[in-house]
Amino acid sequence: MQISPIRICEYMRIYEYILVKRVFLFSLFVFIDQLSKYLIRHFGGFYVCNPNISWNISVSGYVFWIFWLAIISFLLFLLLRKSMLYNPSAGEAGSYFLILILSGAVSNIVDRLRFGCVVDFIDLKFWPVFNLADIFIVLGAIFLLVRWRKL
């Protein structure tokens, strides 16, 4: 079966639209998190500079970077899987959840590169202090697990 050039152009337009939408959402989530941290740091408010990883767990620098490299590589692999790119209905929701996780992870890495720590500012008093990027990561992971559980 041969696919016509017109059909290929239609697929390319759909692919480009989906890719642009995903890049936009990723950038938007990183921007929102970075803006919230900027506002807290410069216009007052409670925040802590967390040099450790989640829940204040201390790890060495090499372990930290290897851990994040492995996580981000795995998430990018999932995001770029053929089924998610070429079959929009099959992977559209899952790719948005992965974008949430990736944008949160990248935003926290940006903090670590800029400040040597992650800026956390949401304090519920009964849970360790966290930020919007952490919320993105947790929500993305929960939604992804729920979606995979339904499949």
N, C-alpha and C. Protein backbone atom coordinates (compact mmCIF):
# COMPACT_ATOMS: atom_id res chain seq x y z
N MET A 1 0.84 -1.17 0.00
CA MET A 1 0.00 0.00 0.00
C MET A 1 0.88 1.24 0.00
N GLN A 2 0.65 2.10 -0.94
CA GLN A 2 1.44 3.31 -1.06
C GLN A 2 0.63 4.51 -0.56
N ILE A 3 1.30 5.38 0.18
CA ILE A 3 0.64 6.57 0.72
C ILE A 3 0.93 7.73 -0.22
N SER A 4 -0.11 8.47 -0.53
CA SER A 4 0.05 9.58 -1.47
C SER A 4 0.81 10.74 -0.81
N PRO A 5 1.47 11.56 -1.62
CA PRO A 5 2.18 12.73 -1.08
C PRO A 5 1.25 13.69 -0.33
N ILE A 6 0.02 13.79 -0.77
CA ILE A 6 -0.94 14.67 -0.08
C ILE A 6 -1.20 14.14 1.33
N ARG A 7 -1.35 12.84 1.45
CA ARG A 7 -1.58 12.21 2.76
C ARG A 7 -0.37 12.41 3.66
N ILE A 8 0.82 12.30 3.10
CA ILE A 8 2.04 12.52 3.88
C ILE A 8 2.08 13.96 4.38
N CYS A 9 1.72 14.92 3.55
CA CYS A 9 1.69 16.33 3.97
C CYS A 9 0.68 16.54 5.09
N GLU A 10 -0.46 15.86 5.01
CA GLU A 10 -1.45 15.98 6.09
C GLU A 10 -0.89 15.44 7.40
N TYR A 11 -0.22 14.30 7.34
CA TYR A 11 0.39 13.72 8.54
C TYR A 11 1.45 14.66 9.11
N MET A 12 2.24 15.26 8.23
CA MET A 12 3.28 16.18 8.70
C MET A 12 2.68 17.41 9.38
N ARG A 13 1.60 17.94 8.84
CA ARG A 13 0.93 19.09 9.47
C ARG A 13 0.38 18.73 10.84
N ILE A 14 -0.22 17.56 10.95
CA ILE A 14 -0.73 17.10 12.24
C ILE A 14 0.41 16.93 13.23
N TYR A 15 1.48 16.30 12.77
CA TYR A 15 2.66 16.09 13.63
C TYR A 15 3.24 17.42 14.08
N GLU A 16 3.39 18.37 13.18
CA GLU A 16 3.94 19.68 13.53
C GLU A 16 3.04 20.40 14.53
N TYR A 17 1.73 20.32 14.33
CA TYR A 17 0.79 20.95 15.24
C TYR A 17 0.92 20.36 16.64
N ILE A 18 0.97 19.03 16.71
CA ILE A 18 1.08 18.37 18.01
C ILE A 18 2.41 18.72 18.67
N LEU A 19 3.48 18.72 17.91
CA LEU A 19 4.79 19.05 18.45
C LEU A 19 4.85 20.48 18.96
N VAL A 20 4.31 21.42 18.19
CA VAL A 20 4.29 22.83 18.62
C VAL A 20 3.47 22.97 19.90
N LYS A 21 2.33 22.29 19.96
CA LYS A 21 1.48 22.35 21.14
C LYS A 21 2.21 21.81 22.37
N ARG A 22 2.93 20.71 22.20
CA ARG A 22 3.67 20.12 23.32
C ARG A 22 4.81 21.01 23.77
N VAL A 23 5.54 21.58 22.84
CA VAL A 23 6.64 22.48 23.20
C VAL A 23 6.09 23.72 23.90
N PHE A 24 4.97 24.23 23.41
CA PHE A 24 4.35 25.40 24.04
C PHE A 24 3.94 25.08 25.48
N LEU A 25 3.28 23.95 25.69
CA LEU A 25 2.85 23.59 27.04
C LEU A 25 4.04 23.39 27.97
N PHE A 26 5.07 22.71 27.48
CA PHE A 26 6.27 22.51 28.28
C PHE A 26 6.86 23.86 28.69
N SER A 27 7.00 24.76 27.73
CA SER A 27 7.57 26.08 28.00
C SER A 27 6.69 26.87 28.96
N LEU A 28 5.38 26.76 28.79
CA LEU A 28 4.44 27.47 29.66
C LEU A 28 4.57 27.01 31.11
N PHE A 29 4.63 25.69 31.32
CA PHE A 29 4.74 25.17 32.69
C PHE A 29 6.06 25.59 33.33
N VAL A 30 7.15 25.52 32.59
CA VAL A 30 8.45 25.96 33.14
C VAL A 30 8.39 27.46 33.46
N PHE A 31 7.81 28.24 32.55
CA PHE A 31 7.70 29.68 32.78
C PHE A 31 6.87 30.00 34.03
N ILE A 32 5.74 29.34 34.19
CA ILE A 32 4.88 29.59 35.35
C ILE A 32 5.62 29.27 36.64
N ASP A 33 6.33 28.15 36.67
CA ASP A 33 7.07 27.79 37.88
C ASP A 33 8.20 28.79 38.15
N GLN A 34 8.95 29.12 37.12
CA GLN A 34 10.05 30.07 37.32
C GLN A 34 9.53 31.45 37.72
N LEU A 35 8.42 31.88 37.14
CA LEU A 35 7.83 33.16 37.50
C LEU A 35 7.38 33.17 38.96
N SER A 36 6.75 32.08 39.40
CA SER A 36 6.31 32.01 40.79
C SER A 36 7.50 32.10 41.75
N LYS A 37 8.59 31.44 41.41
CA LYS A 37 9.78 31.48 42.26
C LYS A 37 10.42 32.87 42.24
N TYR A 38 10.42 33.50 41.08
CA TYR A 38 10.95 34.86 40.97
C TYR A 38 10.15 35.81 41.85
N LEU A 39 8.84 35.74 41.75
CA LEU A 39 7.97 36.64 42.53
C LEU A 39 8.16 36.43 44.03
N ILE A 40 8.24 35.20 44.46
CA ILE A 40 8.45 34.90 45.88
C ILE A 40 9.80 35.44 46.35
N ARG A 41 10.83 35.22 45.56
CA ARG A 41 12.17 35.64 45.97
C ARG A 41 12.34 37.16 45.96
N HIS A 42 11.70 37.85 45.01
CA HIS A 42 11.95 39.28 44.86
C HIS A 42 10.91 40.20 45.48
N PHE A 43 9.72 39.70 45.73
CA PHE A 43 8.68 40.56 46.26
C PHE A 43 8.16 40.09 47.60
N GLY A 44 8.94 39.31 48.27
CA GLY A 44 8.59 38.89 49.62
C GLY A 44 7.80 37.60 49.64
N GLY A 45 7.88 36.97 50.75
CA GLY A 45 7.19 35.70 50.92
C GLY A 45 8.16 34.67 51.47
N PHE A 46 7.60 33.64 52.02
CA PHE A 46 8.38 32.58 52.61
C PHE A 46 8.94 31.67 51.51
N TYR A 47 10.21 31.35 51.59
CA TYR A 47 10.80 30.33 50.72
C TYR A 47 12.05 29.77 51.37
N VAL A 48 12.40 28.57 50.97
CA VAL A 48 13.64 27.94 51.42
C VAL A 48 14.43 27.53 50.20
N CYS A 49 15.72 27.51 50.37
CA CYS A 49 16.60 27.06 49.30
C CYS A 49 17.02 25.63 49.65
N ASN A 50 16.42 24.67 48.97
CA ASN A 50 16.62 23.26 49.29
C ASN A 50 17.77 22.67 48.46
N PRO A 51 18.91 22.39 49.09
CA PRO A 51 20.05 21.83 48.34
C PRO A 51 19.93 20.33 48.10
N ASN A 52 18.92 19.69 48.68
CA ASN A 52 18.75 18.24 48.57
C ASN A 52 17.69 17.90 47.53
N ILE A 53 17.36 16.62 47.43
CA ILE A 53 16.31 16.21 46.50
C ILE A 53 14.99 16.11 47.25
N SER A 54 14.03 15.47 46.68
CA SER A 54 12.69 15.38 47.25
C SER A 54 12.71 14.98 48.72
N TRP A 55 11.81 15.58 49.46
CA TRP A 55 11.65 15.33 50.89
C TRP A 55 12.96 15.51 51.66
N ASN A 56 13.79 16.42 51.15
CA ASN A 56 15.03 16.82 51.81
C ASN A 56 16.03 15.67 51.98
N ILE A 57 16.01 14.71 51.07
CA ILE A 57 16.96 13.59 51.10
C ILE A 57 18.28 14.06 50.51
N SER A 58 19.35 13.86 51.25
CA SER A 58 20.67 14.31 50.82
C SER A 58 21.37 13.24 49.99
N VAL A 59 21.89 13.64 48.82
CA VAL A 59 22.68 12.75 47.97
C VAL A 59 23.88 13.51 47.44
N SER A 60 24.90 12.77 47.01
CA SER A 60 26.07 13.43 46.46
C SER A 60 25.76 14.02 45.09
N GLY A 61 26.59 14.93 44.63
CA GLY A 61 26.37 15.60 43.35
C GLY A 61 26.30 14.65 42.16
N TYR A 62 27.21 13.67 42.13
CA TYR A 62 27.23 12.73 41.00
C TYR A 62 25.96 11.88 40.97
N VAL A 63 25.55 11.41 42.12
CA VAL A 63 24.34 10.60 42.18
C VAL A 63 23.14 11.41 41.72
N PHE A 64 23.09 12.67 42.15
CA PHE A 64 21.98 13.54 41.77
C PHE A 64 21.89 13.69 40.25
N TRP A 65 23.00 14.03 39.61
CA TRP A 65 22.97 14.26 38.16
C TRP A 65 22.73 12.98 37.38
N ILE A 66 23.26 11.86 37.83
CA ILE A 66 23.00 10.58 37.17
C ILE A 66 21.52 10.23 37.31
N PHE A 67 20.97 10.45 38.49
CA PHE A 67 19.55 10.18 38.73
C PHE A 67 18.68 11.00 37.78
N TRP A 68 18.93 12.32 37.69
CA TRP A 68 18.10 13.17 36.83
C TRP A 68 18.31 12.87 35.35
N LEU A 69 19.52 12.57 34.98
CA LEU A 69 19.78 12.22 33.58
C LEU A 69 19.00 10.96 33.20
N ALA A 70 18.99 9.97 34.08
CA ALA A 70 18.26 8.73 33.82
C ALA A 70 16.75 8.99 33.75
N ILE A 71 16.22 9.76 34.68
CA ILE A 71 14.78 10.04 34.71
C ILE A 71 14.36 10.81 33.46
N ILE A 72 15.07 11.86 33.14
CA ILE A 72 14.70 12.69 31.99
C ILE A 72 14.86 11.91 30.69
N SER A 73 15.91 11.10 30.58
CA SER A 73 16.09 10.28 29.38
C SER A 73 14.93 9.30 29.22
N PHE A 74 14.52 8.68 30.31
CA PHE A 74 13.41 7.74 30.26
C PHE A 74 12.11 8.45 29.87
N LEU A 75 11.85 9.60 30.45
CA LEU A 75 10.63 10.34 30.12
C LEU A 75 10.63 10.82 28.68
N LEU A 76 11.77 11.28 28.19
CA LEU A 76 11.86 11.69 26.79
C LEU A 76 11.63 10.50 25.87
N PHE A 77 12.16 9.36 26.24
CA PHE A 77 11.93 8.15 25.45
C PHE A 77 10.44 7.85 25.36
N LEU A 78 9.76 7.91 26.50
CA LEU A 78 8.32 7.65 26.50
C LEU A 78 7.57 8.69 25.67
N LEU A 79 7.96 9.93 25.80
CA LEU A 79 7.28 11.01 25.09
C LEU A 79 7.45 10.89 23.58
N LEU A 80 8.61 10.43 23.16
CA LEU A 80 8.90 10.37 21.73
C LEU A 80 8.61 9.01 21.09
N ARG A 81 7.99 8.15 21.85
CA ARG A 81 7.63 6.84 21.29
C ARG A 81 6.80 7.00 20.03
N LYS A 82 6.97 6.10 19.13
CA LYS A 82 6.27 6.18 17.85
C LYS A 82 4.76 6.27 18.02
N SER A 83 4.20 5.53 18.95
CA SER A 83 2.75 5.55 19.11
C SER A 83 2.25 6.91 19.57
N MET A 84 3.06 7.63 20.33
CA MET A 84 2.62 8.94 20.81
C MET A 84 2.78 10.01 19.74
N LEU A 85 3.72 9.83 18.84
CA LEU A 85 3.93 10.84 17.82
C LEU A 85 3.05 10.65 16.59
N TYR A 86 2.89 9.42 16.17
CA TYR A 86 2.21 9.18 14.90
C TYR A 86 0.75 8.75 15.04
N ASN A 87 0.33 8.49 16.25
CA ASN A 87 -1.06 8.14 16.48
C ASN A 87 -1.58 9.05 17.59
N PRO A 88 -2.00 10.26 17.24
CA PRO A 88 -2.37 11.25 18.25
C PRO A 88 -3.40 10.76 19.25
N SER A 89 -4.36 9.99 18.82
CA SER A 89 -5.39 9.56 19.76
C SER A 89 -4.85 8.56 20.78
N ALA A 90 -3.83 7.81 20.41
CA ALA A 90 -3.29 6.79 21.31
C ALA A 90 -2.44 7.41 22.42
N GLY A 91 -1.72 8.45 22.12
CA GLY A 91 -0.78 8.94 23.11
C GLY A 91 -0.96 10.37 23.54
N GLU A 92 -2.01 11.03 23.10
CA GLU A 92 -2.17 12.45 23.38
C GLU A 92 -2.24 12.74 24.88
N ALA A 93 -3.13 12.07 25.60
CA ALA A 93 -3.28 12.34 27.04
C ALA A 93 -2.00 11.97 27.79
N GLY A 94 -1.44 10.81 27.49
CA GLY A 94 -0.21 10.39 28.16
C GLY A 94 0.94 11.34 27.92
N SER A 95 1.01 11.90 26.72
CA SER A 95 2.11 12.82 26.44
C SER A 95 1.95 14.12 27.24
N TYR A 96 0.72 14.55 27.49
CA TYR A 96 0.52 15.75 28.31
C TYR A 96 0.95 15.50 29.75
N PHE A 97 0.70 14.31 30.25
CA PHE A 97 1.12 13.99 31.61
C PHE A 97 2.64 13.92 31.69
N LEU A 98 3.28 13.38 30.64
CA LEU A 98 4.75 13.36 30.61
C LEU A 98 5.31 14.77 30.52
N ILE A 99 4.62 15.64 29.80
CA ILE A 99 5.06 17.04 29.69
C ILE A 99 5.01 17.70 31.06
N LEU A 100 3.98 17.42 31.84
CA LEU A 100 3.91 17.94 33.21
C LEU A 100 5.13 17.50 34.02
N ILE A 101 5.43 16.21 33.95
CA ILE A 101 6.56 15.68 34.72
C ILE A 101 7.87 16.30 34.24
N LEU A 102 8.09 16.32 32.92
CA LEU A 102 9.33 16.88 32.37
C LEU A 102 9.49 18.35 32.68
N SER A 103 8.42 19.12 32.55
CA SER A 103 8.54 20.56 32.81
C SER A 103 8.86 20.82 34.27
N GLY A 104 8.27 20.06 35.18
CA GLY A 104 8.61 20.21 36.60
C GLY A 104 10.05 19.84 36.88
N ALA A 105 10.50 18.74 36.29
CA ALA A 105 11.89 18.30 36.50
C ALA A 105 12.87 19.32 35.94
N VAL A 106 12.61 19.79 34.73
CA VAL A 106 13.53 20.75 34.09
C VAL A 106 13.54 22.07 34.87
N SER A 107 12.38 22.51 35.34
CA SER A 107 12.34 23.77 36.09
C SER A 107 13.14 23.66 37.39
N ASN A 108 13.04 22.52 38.06
CA ASN A 108 13.84 22.35 39.28
C ASN A 108 15.33 22.25 38.96
N ILE A 109 15.67 21.67 37.83
CA ILE A 109 17.08 21.61 37.43
C ILE A 109 17.59 23.01 37.09
N VAL A 110 16.75 23.83 36.48
CA VAL A 110 17.14 25.22 36.20
C VAL A 110 17.48 25.92 37.52
N ASP A 111 16.65 25.72 38.54
CA ASP A 111 16.94 26.30 39.86
C ASP A 111 18.28 25.81 40.39
N ARG A 112 18.49 24.53 40.30
CA ARG A 112 19.73 23.97 40.84
C ARG A 112 20.95 24.52 40.11
N LEU A 113 20.84 24.71 38.81
CA LEU A 113 21.96 25.28 38.05
C LEU A 113 22.16 26.76 38.36
N ARG A 114 21.07 27.50 38.55
CA ARG A 114 21.17 28.94 38.81
C ARG A 114 21.57 29.25 40.24
N PHE A 115 20.97 28.54 41.21
CA PHE A 115 21.15 28.90 42.61
C PHE A 115 21.90 27.86 43.43
N GLY A 116 22.13 26.68 42.89
CA GLY A 116 22.75 25.61 43.66
C GLY A 116 21.76 24.89 44.57
N CYS A 117 20.49 25.23 44.42
CA CYS A 117 19.43 24.62 45.23
C CYS A 117 18.10 24.82 44.51
N VAL A 118 17.06 24.21 45.04
CA VAL A 118 15.72 24.38 44.48
C VAL A 118 14.93 25.28 45.41
N VAL A 119 14.29 26.30 44.85
CA VAL A 119 13.48 27.23 45.64
C VAL A 119 12.12 26.60 45.91
N ASP A 120 11.85 26.33 47.19
CA ASP A 120 10.56 25.78 47.62
C ASP A 120 9.85 26.84 48.45
N PHE A 121 8.55 26.99 48.25
CA PHE A 121 7.84 28.06 48.96
C PHE A 121 6.43 27.71 49.42
N ILE A 122 5.92 26.55 49.10
CA ILE A 122 4.59 26.17 49.55
C ILE A 122 4.76 25.31 50.80
N ASP A 123 4.29 25.83 51.93
CA ASP A 123 4.46 25.15 53.22
C ASP A 123 3.08 24.83 53.80
N LEU A 124 2.75 23.56 53.83
CA LEU A 124 1.47 23.12 54.39
C LEU A 124 1.57 22.78 55.87
N LYS A 125 2.75 22.90 56.43
CA LYS A 125 3.06 22.64 57.84
C LYS A 125 3.06 21.15 58.20
N PHE A 126 2.38 20.31 57.46
CA PHE A 126 2.36 18.89 57.78
C PHE A 126 3.09 18.07 56.71
N TRP A 127 3.69 18.75 55.72
CA TRP A 127 4.39 18.10 54.61
C TRP A 127 5.64 18.91 54.33
N PRO A 128 6.69 18.30 53.80
CA PRO A 128 7.87 19.10 53.46
C PRO A 128 7.52 20.23 52.48
N VAL A 129 8.25 21.32 52.55
CA VAL A 129 8.03 22.48 51.68
C VAL A 129 8.28 22.07 50.23
N PHE A 130 7.45 22.58 49.32
CA PHE A 130 7.58 22.22 47.91
C PHE A 130 7.25 23.43 47.04
N ASN A 131 7.24 23.24 45.72
CA ASN A 131 6.97 24.33 44.78
C ASN A 131 6.03 23.85 43.67
N LEU A 132 5.72 24.72 42.73
CA LEU A 132 4.81 24.35 41.64
C LEU A 132 5.37 23.23 40.78
N ALA A 133 6.67 23.24 40.56
CA ALA A 133 7.29 22.17 39.75
C ALA A 133 7.05 20.80 40.38
N ASP A 134 7.13 20.75 41.70
CA ASP A 134 6.86 19.49 42.40
C ASP A 134 5.41 19.07 42.20
N ILE A 135 4.50 20.03 42.20
CA ILE A 135 3.09 19.74 41.95
C ILE A 135 2.92 19.20 40.53
N PHE A 136 3.59 19.82 39.56
CA PHE A 136 3.51 19.33 38.18
C PHE A 136 3.98 17.88 38.09
N ILE A 137 5.09 17.59 38.74
CA ILE A 137 5.66 16.24 38.70
C ILE A 137 4.70 15.23 39.32
N VAL A 138 4.18 15.54 40.49
CA VAL A 138 3.30 14.60 41.18
C VAL A 138 1.98 14.41 40.43
N LEU A 139 1.37 15.50 39.98
CA LEU A 139 0.12 15.38 39.23
C LEU A 139 0.33 14.60 37.93
N GLY A 140 1.40 14.91 37.21
CA GLY A 140 1.69 14.19 35.98
C GLY A 140 1.86 12.70 36.23
N ALA A 141 2.57 12.35 37.30
CA ALA A 141 2.80 10.94 37.62
C ALA A 141 1.49 10.25 38.02
N ILE A 142 0.68 10.93 38.82
CA ILE A 142 -0.60 10.33 39.24
C ILE A 142 -1.50 10.12 38.03
N PHE A 143 -1.66 11.15 37.20
CA PHE A 143 -2.51 11.02 36.01
C PHE A 143 -2.00 9.93 35.07
N LEU A 144 -0.68 9.85 34.92
CA LEU A 144 -0.09 8.84 34.05
C LEU A 144 -0.36 7.43 34.59
N LEU A 145 -0.19 7.24 35.89
CA LEU A 145 -0.46 5.94 36.49
C LEU A 145 -1.93 5.56 36.37
N VAL A 146 -2.81 6.51 36.60
CA VAL A 146 -4.25 6.24 36.46
C VAL A 146 -4.57 5.86 35.02
N ARG A 147 -4.01 6.59 34.07
CA ARG A 147 -4.26 6.31 32.65
C ARG A 147 -3.73 4.92 32.27
N TRP A 148 -2.51 4.60 32.69
CA TRP A 148 -1.95 3.30 32.36
C TRP A 148 -2.73 2.17 33.05
N ARG A 149 -3.24 2.45 34.22
CA ARG A 149 -4.02 1.44 34.96
C ARG A 149 -5.31 1.11 34.19
N LYS A 150 -5.88 2.12 33.51
CA LYS A 150 -7.12 1.93 32.76
C LYS A 150 -6.90 1.18 31.46
N LEU A 151 -5.67 1.21 30.93
CA LEU A 151 -5.41 0.56 29.63
C LEU A 151 -5.44 -0.93 29.71
